[in-house]
Amino acid sequence: MSIENIQKKRFLETIYKMYYALGSDPSDSEISNLYGRYFARFSPGSSLNVPYEDLNSQSKIDQDTLNRIMVHIIYNVDVLYESFYDQSEEL
């Protein structure tokens, strides 16, 4: 599976899980709106931008900033791993 397809699948799974965990059933228009806004900001098939510049802007590192950077890195590596795994399984 391509990186783009993995990202799209994970986004949809996450959105549906969030709605169902809150006890509501999302409409197609809500999903479409969230999907469009997310992928307008984060291009599918590309890695998430890791905001390293946030580390240089302050002398003291904020815990939330560091966590956001780590989440972006872990997500990128996990998607890449899943893509490589799927491609190696195809071979």
PDB file of N, CA and C in Angstrom:
ATOM      1  N   MET A   1       0.851  -1.168   0.000  1.00  0.00           N
ATOM      2  CA  MET A   1       0.000   0.000   0.000  1.00  0.00           C
ATOM      3  C   MET A   1       0.902   1.238   0.000  1.00  0.00           C
ATOM      4  N   SER A   2       0.495   2.235  -0.732  1.00  0.00           N
ATOM      5  CA  SER A   2       1.312   3.447  -0.830  1.00  0.00           C
ATOM      6  C   SER A   2       1.201   4.283   0.444  1.00  0.00           C
ATOM      7  N   ILE A   3       2.154   5.159   0.623  1.00  0.00           N
ATOM      8  CA  ILE A   3       2.153   6.050   1.791  1.00  0.00           C
ATOM      9  C   ILE A   3       0.882   6.897   1.798  1.00  0.00           C
ATOM     10  N   GLU A   4       0.503   7.368   0.628  1.00  0.00           N
ATOM     11  CA  GLU A   4      -0.719   8.186   0.521  1.00  0.00           C
ATOM     12  C   GLU A   4      -1.947   7.414   0.993  1.00  0.00           C
ATOM     13  N   ASN A   5      -2.090   6.178   0.550  1.00  0.00           N
ATOM     14  CA  ASN A   5      -3.248   5.373   0.945  1.00  0.00           C
ATOM     15  C   ASN A   5      -3.231   5.045   2.437  1.00  0.00           C
ATOM     16  N   ILE A   6      -2.054   4.797   2.977  1.00  0.00           N
ATOM     17  CA  ILE A   6      -1.939   4.524   4.418  1.00  0.00           C
ATOM     18  C   ILE A   6      -2.370   5.747   5.219  1.00  0.00           C
ATOM     19  N   GLN A   7      -1.919   6.926   4.800  1.00  0.00           N
ATOM     20  CA  GLN A   7      -2.287   8.159   5.506  1.00  0.00           C
ATOM     21  C   GLN A   7      -3.798   8.404   5.438  1.00  0.00           C
ATOM     22  N   LYS A   8      -4.380   8.198   4.280  1.00  0.00           N
ATOM     23  CA  LYS A   8      -5.823   8.406   4.128  1.00  0.00           C
ATOM     24  C   LYS A   8      -6.608   7.415   4.972  1.00  0.00           C
ATOM     25  N   LYS A   9      -6.189   6.140   4.964  1.00  0.00           N
ATOM     26  CA  LYS A   9      -6.865   5.114   5.739  1.00  0.00           C
ATOM     27  C   LYS A   9      -6.787   5.427   7.232  1.00  0.00           C
ATOM     28  N   ARG A  10      -5.620   5.809   7.698  1.00  0.00           N
ATOM     29  CA  ARG A  10      -5.457   6.113   9.126  1.00  0.00           C
ATOM     30  C   ARG A  10      -6.275   7.331   9.544  1.00  0.00           C
ATOM     31  N   PHE A  11      -6.332   8.327   8.673  1.00  0.00           N
ATOM     32  CA  PHE A  11      -7.112   9.516   8.998  1.00  0.00           C
ATOM     33  C   PHE A  11      -8.577   9.143   9.176  1.00  0.00           C
ATOM     34  N   LEU A  12      -9.110   8.393   8.216  1.00  0.00           N
ATOM     35  CA  LEU A  12     -10.521   8.013   8.297  1.00  0.00           C
ATOM     36  C   LEU A  12     -10.797   7.128   9.506  1.00  0.00           C
ATOM     37  N   GLU A  13      -9.911   6.186   9.791  1.00  0.00           N
ATOM     38  CA  GLU A  13     -10.090   5.328  10.967  1.00  0.00           C
ATOM     39  C   GLU A  13     -10.110   6.155  12.248  1.00  0.00           C
ATOM     40  N   THR A  14      -9.215   7.118  12.338  1.00  0.00           N
ATOM     41  CA  THR A  14      -9.138   7.964  13.532  1.00  0.00           C
ATOM     42  C   THR A  14     -10.390   8.807  13.697  1.00  0.00           C
ATOM     43  N   ILE A  15     -10.857   9.404  12.615  1.00  0.00           N
ATOM     44  CA  ILE A  15     -12.051  10.250  12.690  1.00  0.00           C
ATOM     45  C   ILE A  15     -13.262   9.428  13.115  1.00  0.00           C
ATOM     46  N   TYR A  16     -13.454   8.275  12.488  1.00  0.00           N
ATOM     47  CA  TYR A  16     -14.600   7.444  12.855  1.00  0.00           C
ATOM     48  C   TYR A  16     -14.504   6.978  14.307  1.00  0.00           C
ATOM     49  N   LYS A  17     -13.322   6.593  14.765  1.00  0.00           N
ATOM     50  CA  LYS A  17     -13.154   6.173  16.158  1.00  0.00           C
ATOM     51  C   LYS A  17     -13.498   7.305  17.112  1.00  0.00           C
ATOM     52  N   MET A  18     -13.059   8.518  16.788  1.00  0.00           N
ATOM     53  CA  MET A  18     -13.343   9.666  17.657  1.00  0.00           C
ATOM     54  C   MET A  18     -14.843   9.933  17.749  1.00  0.00           C
ATOM     55  N   TYR A  19     -15.510   9.929  16.615  1.00  0.00           N
ATOM     56  CA  TYR A  19     -16.957  10.168  16.623  1.00  0.00           C
ATOM     57  C   TYR A  19     -17.687   9.079  17.391  1.00  0.00           C
ATOM     58  N   TYR A  20     -17.356   7.822  17.122  1.00  0.00           N
ATOM     59  CA  TYR A  20     -18.045   6.726  17.794  1.00  0.00           C
ATOM     60  C   TYR A  20     -17.740   6.696  19.290  1.00  0.00           C
ATOM     61  N   ALA A  21     -16.528   7.071  19.670  1.00  0.00           N
ATOM     62  CA  ALA A  21     -16.189   7.123  21.093  1.00  0.00           C
ATOM     63  C   ALA A  21     -17.002   8.192  21.811  1.00  0.00           C
ATOM     64  N   LEU A  22     -17.360   9.250  21.081  1.00  0.00           N
ATOM     65  CA  LEU A  22     -18.183  10.309  21.664  1.00  0.00           C
ATOM     66  C   LEU A  22     -19.674   9.994  21.574  1.00  0.00           C
ATOM     67  N   GLY A  23     -20.003   8.853  20.971  1.00  0.00           N
ATOM     68  CA  GLY A  23     -21.391   8.426  20.911  1.00  0.00           C
ATOM     69  C   GLY A  23     -22.197   9.040  19.790  1.00  0.00           C
ATOM     70  N   SER A  24     -21.543   9.535  18.753  1.00  0.00           N
ATOM     71  CA  SER A  24     -22.285  10.110  17.639  1.00  0.00           C
ATOM     72  C   SER A  24     -21.905   9.435  16.329  1.00  0.00           C
ATOM     73  N   ASP A  25     -22.797   9.564  15.374  1.00  0.00           N
ATOM     74  CA  ASP A  25     -22.593   8.977  14.059  1.00  0.00           C
ATOM     75  C   ASP A  25     -22.285  10.118  13.088  1.00  0.00           C
ATOM     76  N   PRO A  26     -21.077  10.177  12.547  1.00  0.00           N
ATOM     77  CA  PRO A  26     -20.720  11.310  11.684  1.00  0.00           C
ATOM     78  C   PRO A  26     -21.433  11.247  10.337  1.00  0.00           C
ATOM     79  N   SER A  27     -21.794  12.413   9.837  1.00  0.00           N
ATOM     80  CA  SER A  27     -22.411  12.463   8.515  1.00  0.00           C
ATOM     81  C   SER A  27     -21.309  12.476   7.455  1.00  0.00           C
ATOM     82  N   ASP A  28     -21.700  12.138   6.241  1.00  0.00           N
ATOM     83  CA  ASP A  28     -20.730  12.143   5.145  1.00  0.00           C
ATOM     84  C   ASP A  28     -20.172  13.537   4.905  1.00  0.00           C
ATOM     85  N   SER A  29     -20.996  14.563   5.088  1.00  0.00           N
ATOM     86  CA  SER A  29     -20.522  15.933   4.871  1.00  0.00           C
ATOM     87  C   SER A  29     -19.499  16.345   5.937  1.00  0.00           C
ATOM     88  N   GLU A  30     -19.709  15.914   7.191  1.00  0.00           N
ATOM     89  CA  GLU A  30     -18.735  16.212   8.249  1.00  0.00           C
ATOM     90  C   GLU A  30     -17.394  15.543   7.954  1.00  0.00           C
ATOM     91  N   ILE A  31     -17.452  14.279   7.568  1.00  0.00           N
ATOM     92  CA  ILE A  31     -16.225  13.538   7.254  1.00  0.00           C
ATOM     93  C   ILE A  31     -15.533  14.182   6.061  1.00  0.00           C
ATOM     94  N   SER A  32     -16.299  14.513   5.042  1.00  0.00           N
ATOM     95  CA  SER A  32     -15.732  15.130   3.842  1.00  0.00           C
ATOM     96  C   SER A  32     -15.079  16.474   4.168  1.00  0.00           C
ATOM     97  N   ASN A  33     -15.724  17.251   5.023  1.00  0.00           N
ATOM     98  CA  ASN A  33     -15.186  18.549   5.415  1.00  0.00           C
ATOM     99  C   ASN A  33     -13.871  18.396   6.175  1.00  0.00           C
ATOM    100  N   LEU A  34     -13.844  17.500   7.166  1.00  0.00           N
ATOM    101  CA  LEU A  34     -12.614  17.265   7.935  1.00  0.00           C
ATOM    102  C   LEU A  34     -11.505  16.704   7.058  1.00  0.00           C
ATOM    103  N   TYR A  35     -11.869  15.779   6.182  1.00  0.00           N
ATOM    104  CA  TYR A  35     -10.912  15.157   5.266  1.00  0.00           C
ATOM    105  C   TYR A  35     -10.275  16.217   4.357  1.00  0.00           C
ATOM    106  N   GLY A  36     -11.110  17.068   3.793  1.00  0.00           N
ATOM    107  CA  GLY A  36     -10.607  18.118   2.906  1.00  0.00           C
ATOM    108  C   GLY A  36      -9.716  19.116   3.622  1.00  0.00           C
ATOM    109  N   ARG A  37     -10.118  19.521   4.821  1.00  0.00           N
ATOM    110  CA  ARG A  37      -9.306  20.488   5.579  1.00  0.00           C
ATOM    111  C   ARG A  37      -7.968  19.893   5.980  1.00  0.00           C
ATOM    112  N   TYR A  38      -7.969  18.630   6.425  1.00  0.00           N
ATOM    113  CA  TYR A  38      -6.724  18.001   6.866  1.00  0.00           C
ATOM    114  C   TYR A  38      -5.747  17.839   5.701  1.00  0.00           C
ATOM    115  N   PHE A  39      -6.236  17.295   4.586  1.00  0.00           N
ATOM    116  CA  PHE A  39      -5.334  17.028   3.474  1.00  0.00           C
ATOM    117  C   PHE A  39      -5.026  18.272   2.642  1.00  0.00           C
ATOM    118  N   ALA A  40      -5.729  19.372   2.889  1.00  0.00           N
ATOM    119  CA  ALA A  40      -5.316  20.644   2.307  1.00  0.00           C
ATOM    120  C   ALA A  40      -4.097  21.177   3.055  1.00  0.00           C
ATOM    121  N   ARG A  41      -4.044  20.866   4.337  1.00  0.00           N
ATOM    122  CA  ARG A  41      -2.908  21.311   5.162  1.00  0.00           C
ATOM    123  C   ARG A  41      -1.721  20.356   5.057  1.00  0.00           C
ATOM    124  N   PHE A  42      -2.008  19.056   5.087  1.00  0.00           N
ATOM    125  CA  PHE A  42      -0.968  18.031   5.019  1.00  0.00           C
ATOM    126  C   PHE A  42      -1.167  17.228   3.737  1.00  0.00           C
ATOM    127  N   SER A  43      -0.335  17.459   2.772  1.00  0.00           N
ATOM    128  CA  SER A  43      -0.462  16.816   1.470  1.00  0.00           C
ATOM    129  C   SER A  43      -0.327  15.305   1.593  1.00  0.00           C
ATOM    130  N   PRO A  44      -1.300  14.537   1.050  1.00  0.00           N
ATOM    131  CA  PRO A  44      -1.199  13.080   1.150  1.00  0.00           C
ATOM    132  C   PRO A  44      -0.017  12.554   0.340  1.00  0.00           C
ATOM    133  N   GLY A  45       0.666  11.594   0.899  1.00  0.00           N
ATOM    134  CA  GLY A  45       1.843  11.027   0.247  1.00  0.00           C
ATOM    135  C   GLY A  45       3.138  11.664   0.706  1.00  0.00           C
ATOM    136  N   SER A  46       3.031  12.796   1.390  1.00  0.00           N
ATOM    137  CA  SER A  46       4.215  13.478   1.924  1.00  0.00           C
ATOM    138  C   SER A  46       4.265  13.271   3.434  1.00  0.00           C
ATOM    139  N   SER A  47       5.447  13.369   3.973  1.00  0.00           N
ATOM    140  CA  SER A  47       5.563  13.234   5.423  1.00  0.00           C
ATOM    141  C   SER A  47       5.040  14.500   6.097  1.00  0.00           C
ATOM    142  N   LEU A  48       4.640  14.346   7.354  1.00  0.00           N
ATOM    143  CA  LEU A  48       4.233  15.520   8.120  1.00  0.00           C
ATOM    144  C   LEU A  48       5.457  16.386   8.362  1.00  0.00           C
ATOM    145  N   ASN A  49       5.274  17.685   8.267  1.00  0.00           N
ATOM    146  CA  ASN A  49       6.389  18.584   8.554  1.00  0.00           C
ATOM    147  C   ASN A  49       6.699  18.533  10.044  1.00  0.00           C
ATOM    148  N   VAL A  50       7.949  18.370  10.358  1.00  0.00           N
ATOM    149  CA  VAL A  50       8.382  18.339  11.753  1.00  0.00           C
ATOM    150  C   VAL A  50       8.886  19.741  12.093  1.00  0.00           C
ATOM    151  N   PRO A  51       8.244  20.393  13.061  1.00  0.00           N
ATOM    152  CA  PRO A  51       8.587  21.786  13.365  1.00  0.00           C
ATOM    153  C   PRO A  51       9.855  21.931  14.209  1.00  0.00           C
ATOM    154  N   TYR A  52      10.989  21.607  13.602  1.00  0.00           N
ATOM    155  CA  TYR A  52      12.256  21.720  14.330  1.00  0.00           C
ATOM    156  C   TYR A  52      12.577  23.163  14.698  1.00  0.00           C
ATOM    157  N   GLU A  53      12.068  24.124  13.921  1.00  0.00           N
ATOM    158  CA  GLU A  53      12.363  25.529  14.205  1.00  0.00           C
ATOM    159  C   GLU A  53      11.818  25.961  15.558  1.00  0.00           C
ATOM    160  N   ASP A  54      10.813  25.239  16.075  1.00  0.00           N
ATOM    161  CA  ASP A  54      10.286  25.552  17.405  1.00  0.00           C
ATOM    162  C   ASP A  54      11.316  25.310  18.493  1.00  0.00           C
ATOM    163  N   LEU A  55      12.264  24.425  18.244  1.00  0.00           N
ATOM    164  CA  LEU A  55      13.315  24.166  19.234  1.00  0.00           C
ATOM    165  C   LEU A  55      14.311  25.310  19.302  1.00  0.00           C
ATOM    166  N   ASN A  56      14.539  25.991  18.192  1.00  0.00           N
ATOM    167  CA  ASN A  56      15.523  27.069  18.145  1.00  0.00           C
ATOM    168  C   ASN A  56      14.960  28.412  18.573  1.00  0.00           C
ATOM    169  N   SER A  57      13.641  28.538  18.636  1.00  0.00           N
ATOM    170  CA  SER A  57      13.043  29.841  18.898  1.00  0.00           C
ATOM    171  C   SER A  57      13.059  30.238  20.372  1.00  0.00           C
ATOM    172  N   GLN A  58      13.320  29.295  21.239  1.00  0.00           N
ATOM    173  CA  GLN A  58      13.293  29.597  22.666  1.00  0.00           C
ATOM    174  C   GLN A  58      14.522  29.003  23.336  1.00  0.00           C
ATOM    175  N   SER A  59      14.939  29.655  24.413  1.00  0.00           N
ATOM    176  CA  SER A  59      16.061  29.094  25.156  1.00  0.00           C
ATOM    177  C   SER A  59      15.602  27.922  26.019  1.00  0.00           C
ATOM    178  N   LYS A  60      14.339  27.925  26.413  1.00  0.00           N
ATOM    179  CA  LYS A  60      13.786  26.844  27.214  1.00  0.00           C
ATOM    180  C   LYS A  60      12.815  26.054  26.340  1.00  0.00           C
ATOM    181  N   ILE A  61      12.958  24.728  26.335  1.00  0.00           N
ATOM    182  CA  ILE A  61      12.121  23.881  25.498  1.00  0.00           C
ATOM    183  C   ILE A  61      10.812  23.597  26.223  1.00  0.00           C
ATOM    184  N   ASP A  62       9.723  23.907  25.540  1.00  0.00           N
ATOM    185  CA  ASP A  62       8.393  23.655  26.070  1.00  0.00           C
ATOM    186  C   ASP A  62       8.057  22.177  25.905  1.00  0.00           C
ATOM    187  N   GLN A  63       7.474  21.579  26.904  1.00  0.00           N
ATOM    188  CA  GLN A  63       7.136  20.162  26.887  1.00  0.00           C
ATOM    189  C   GLN A  63       6.141  19.844  25.767  1.00  0.00           C
ATOM    190  N   ASP A  64       5.159  20.703  25.553  1.00  0.00           N
ATOM    191  CA  ASP A  64       4.167  20.475  24.499  1.00  0.00           C
ATOM    192  C   ASP A  64       4.805  20.540  23.115  1.00  0.00           C
ATOM    193  N   THR A  65       5.751  21.438  22.934  1.00  0.00           N
ATOM    194  CA  THR A  65       6.452  21.546  21.657  1.00  0.00           C
ATOM    195  C   THR A  65       7.246  20.285  21.380  1.00  0.00           C
ATOM    196  N   LEU A  66       7.957  19.813  22.361  1.00  0.00           N
ATOM    197  CA  LEU A  66       8.746  18.597  22.208  1.00  0.00           C
ATOM    198  C   LEU A  66       7.845  17.393  21.926  1.00  0.00           C
ATOM    199  N   ASN A  67       6.714  17.311  22.602  1.00  0.00           N
ATOM    200  CA  ASN A  67       5.772  16.221  22.364  1.00  0.00           C
ATOM    201  C   ASN A  67       5.216  16.270  20.944  1.00  0.00           C
ATOM    202  N   ARG A  68       4.896  17.469  20.446  1.00  0.00           N
ATOM    203  CA  ARG A  68       4.370  17.610  19.090  1.00  0.00           C
ATOM    204  C   ARG A  68       5.407  17.168  18.063  1.00  0.00           C
ATOM    205  N   ILE A  69       6.646  17.531  18.267  1.00  0.00           N
ATOM    206  CA  ILE A  69       7.726  17.118  17.364  1.00  0.00           C
ATOM    207  C   ILE A  69       7.872  15.607  17.374  1.00  0.00           C
ATOM    208  N   MET A  70       7.841  15.014  18.552  1.00  0.00           N
ATOM    209  CA  MET A  70       7.985  13.561  18.660  1.00  0.00           C
ATOM    210  C   MET A  70       6.817  12.839  18.002  1.00  0.00           C
ATOM    211  N   VAL A  71       5.602  13.347  18.158  1.00  0.00           N
ATOM    212  CA  VAL A  71       4.433  12.717  17.540  1.00  0.00           C
ATOM    213  C   VAL A  71       4.554  12.750  16.020  1.00  0.00           C
ATOM    214  N   HIS A  72       4.998  13.877  15.461  1.00  0.00           N
ATOM    215  CA  HIS A  72       5.171  13.975  14.009  1.00  0.00           C
ATOM    216  C   HIS A  72       6.229  12.979  13.519  1.00  0.00           C
ATOM    217  N   ILE A  73       7.327  12.882  14.222  1.00  0.00           N
ATOM    218  CA  ILE A  73       8.393  11.961  13.818  1.00  0.00           C
ATOM    219  C   ILE A  73       7.916  10.507  13.909  1.00  0.00           C
ATOM    220  N   ILE A  74       7.269  10.158  15.002  1.00  0.00           N
ATOM    221  CA  ILE A  74       6.800   8.786  15.189  1.00  0.00           C
ATOM    222  C   ILE A  74       5.759   8.425  14.142  1.00  0.00           C
ATOM    223  N   TYR A  75       4.854   9.349  13.842  1.00  0.00           N
ATOM    224  CA  TYR A  75       3.842   9.091  12.811  1.00  0.00           C
ATOM    225  C   TYR A  75       4.511   8.855  11.459  1.00  0.00           C
ATOM    226  N   ASN A  76       5.466   9.696  11.095  1.00  0.00           N
ATOM    227  CA  ASN A  76       6.152   9.548   9.808  1.00  0.00           C
ATOM    228  C   ASN A  76       6.877   8.204   9.714  1.00  0.00           C
ATOM    229  N   VAL A  77       7.574   7.830  10.760  1.00  0.00           N
ATOM    230  CA  VAL A  77       8.308   6.566  10.755  1.00  0.00           C
ATOM    231  C   VAL A  77       7.350   5.381  10.711  1.00  0.00           C
ATOM    232  N   ASP A  78       6.253   5.469  11.438  1.00  0.00           N
ATOM    233  CA  ASP A  78       5.290   4.375  11.459  1.00  0.00           C
ATOM    234  C   ASP A  78       4.630   4.174  10.094  1.00  0.00           C
ATOM    235  N   VAL A  79       4.267   5.255   9.423  1.00  0.00           N
ATOM    236  CA  VAL A  79       3.685   5.152   8.080  1.00  0.00           C
ATOM    237  C   VAL A  79       4.712   4.585   7.110  1.00  0.00           C
ATOM    238  N   LEU A  80       5.936   5.052   7.200  1.00  0.00           N
ATOM    239  CA  LEU A  80       6.994   4.545   6.328  1.00  0.00           C
ATOM    240  C   LEU A  80       7.229   3.052   6.565  1.00  0.00           C
ATOM    241  N   TYR A  81       7.261   2.646   7.813  1.00  0.00           N
ATOM    242  CA  TYR A  81       7.449   1.231   8.140  1.00  0.00           C
ATOM    243  C   TYR A  81       6.314   0.389   7.561  1.00  0.00           C
ATOM    244  N   GLU A  82       5.077   0.835   7.744  1.00  0.00           N
ATOM    245  CA  GLU A  82       3.941   0.075   7.225  1.00  0.00           C
ATOM    246  C   GLU A  82       4.001  -0.039   5.707  1.00  0.00           C
ATOM    247  N   SER A  83       4.403   1.028   5.041  1.00  0.00           N
ATOM    248  CA  SER A  83       4.527   0.993   3.582  1.00  0.00           C
ATOM    249  C   SER A  83       5.600   0.011   3.139  1.00  0.00           C
ATOM    250  N   PHE A  84       6.772   0.053   3.790  1.00  0.00           N
ATOM    251  CA  PHE A  84       7.849  -0.889   3.461  1.00  0.00           C
ATOM    252  C   PHE A  84       7.426  -2.322   3.735  1.00  0.00           C
ATOM    253  N   TYR A  85       6.746  -2.534   4.844  1.00  0.00           N
ATOM    254  CA  TYR A  85       6.301  -3.878   5.199  1.00  0.00           C
ATOM    255  C   TYR A  85       5.328  -4.411   4.151  1.00  0.00           C
ATOM    256  N   ASP A  86       4.362  -3.588   3.766  1.00  0.00           N
ATOM    257  CA  ASP A  86       3.401  -4.018   2.752  1.00  0.00           C
ATOM    258  C   ASP A  86       4.069  -4.321   1.423  1.00  0.00           C
ATOM    259  N   GLN A  87       5.026  -3.490   1.049  1.00  0.00           N
ATOM    260  CA  GLN A  87       5.714  -3.716  -0.222  1.00  0.00           C
ATOM    261  C   GLN A  87       6.586  -4.962  -0.177  1.00  0.00           C
ATOM    262  N   SER A  88       7.207  -5.230   0.965  1.00  0.00           N
ATOM    263  CA  SER A  88       8.021  -6.441   1.067  1.00  0.00           C
ATOM    264  C   SER A  88       7.153  -7.691   1.071  1.00  0.00           C
ATOM    265  N   GLU A  89       5.947  -7.582   1.622  1.00  0.00           N
ATOM    266  CA  GLU A  89       5.010  -8.703   1.603  1.00  0.00           C
ATOM    267  C   GLU A  89       4.555  -8.999   0.177  1.00  0.00           C
ATOM    268  N   GLU A  90       4.403  -7.968  -0.631  1.00  0.00           N
ATOM    269  CA  GLU A  90       4.013  -8.158  -2.028  1.00  0.00           C
ATOM    270  C   GLU A  90       5.089  -8.876  -2.833  1.00  0.00           C
ATOM    271  N   LEU A  91       6.358  -8.604  -2.472  1.00  0.00           N
ATOM    272  CA  LEU A  91       7.457  -9.264  -3.179  1.00  0.00           C
ATOM    273  C   LEU A  91       7.509 -10.725  -2.815  1.00  0.00           C
TER     274      LEU A  91
END
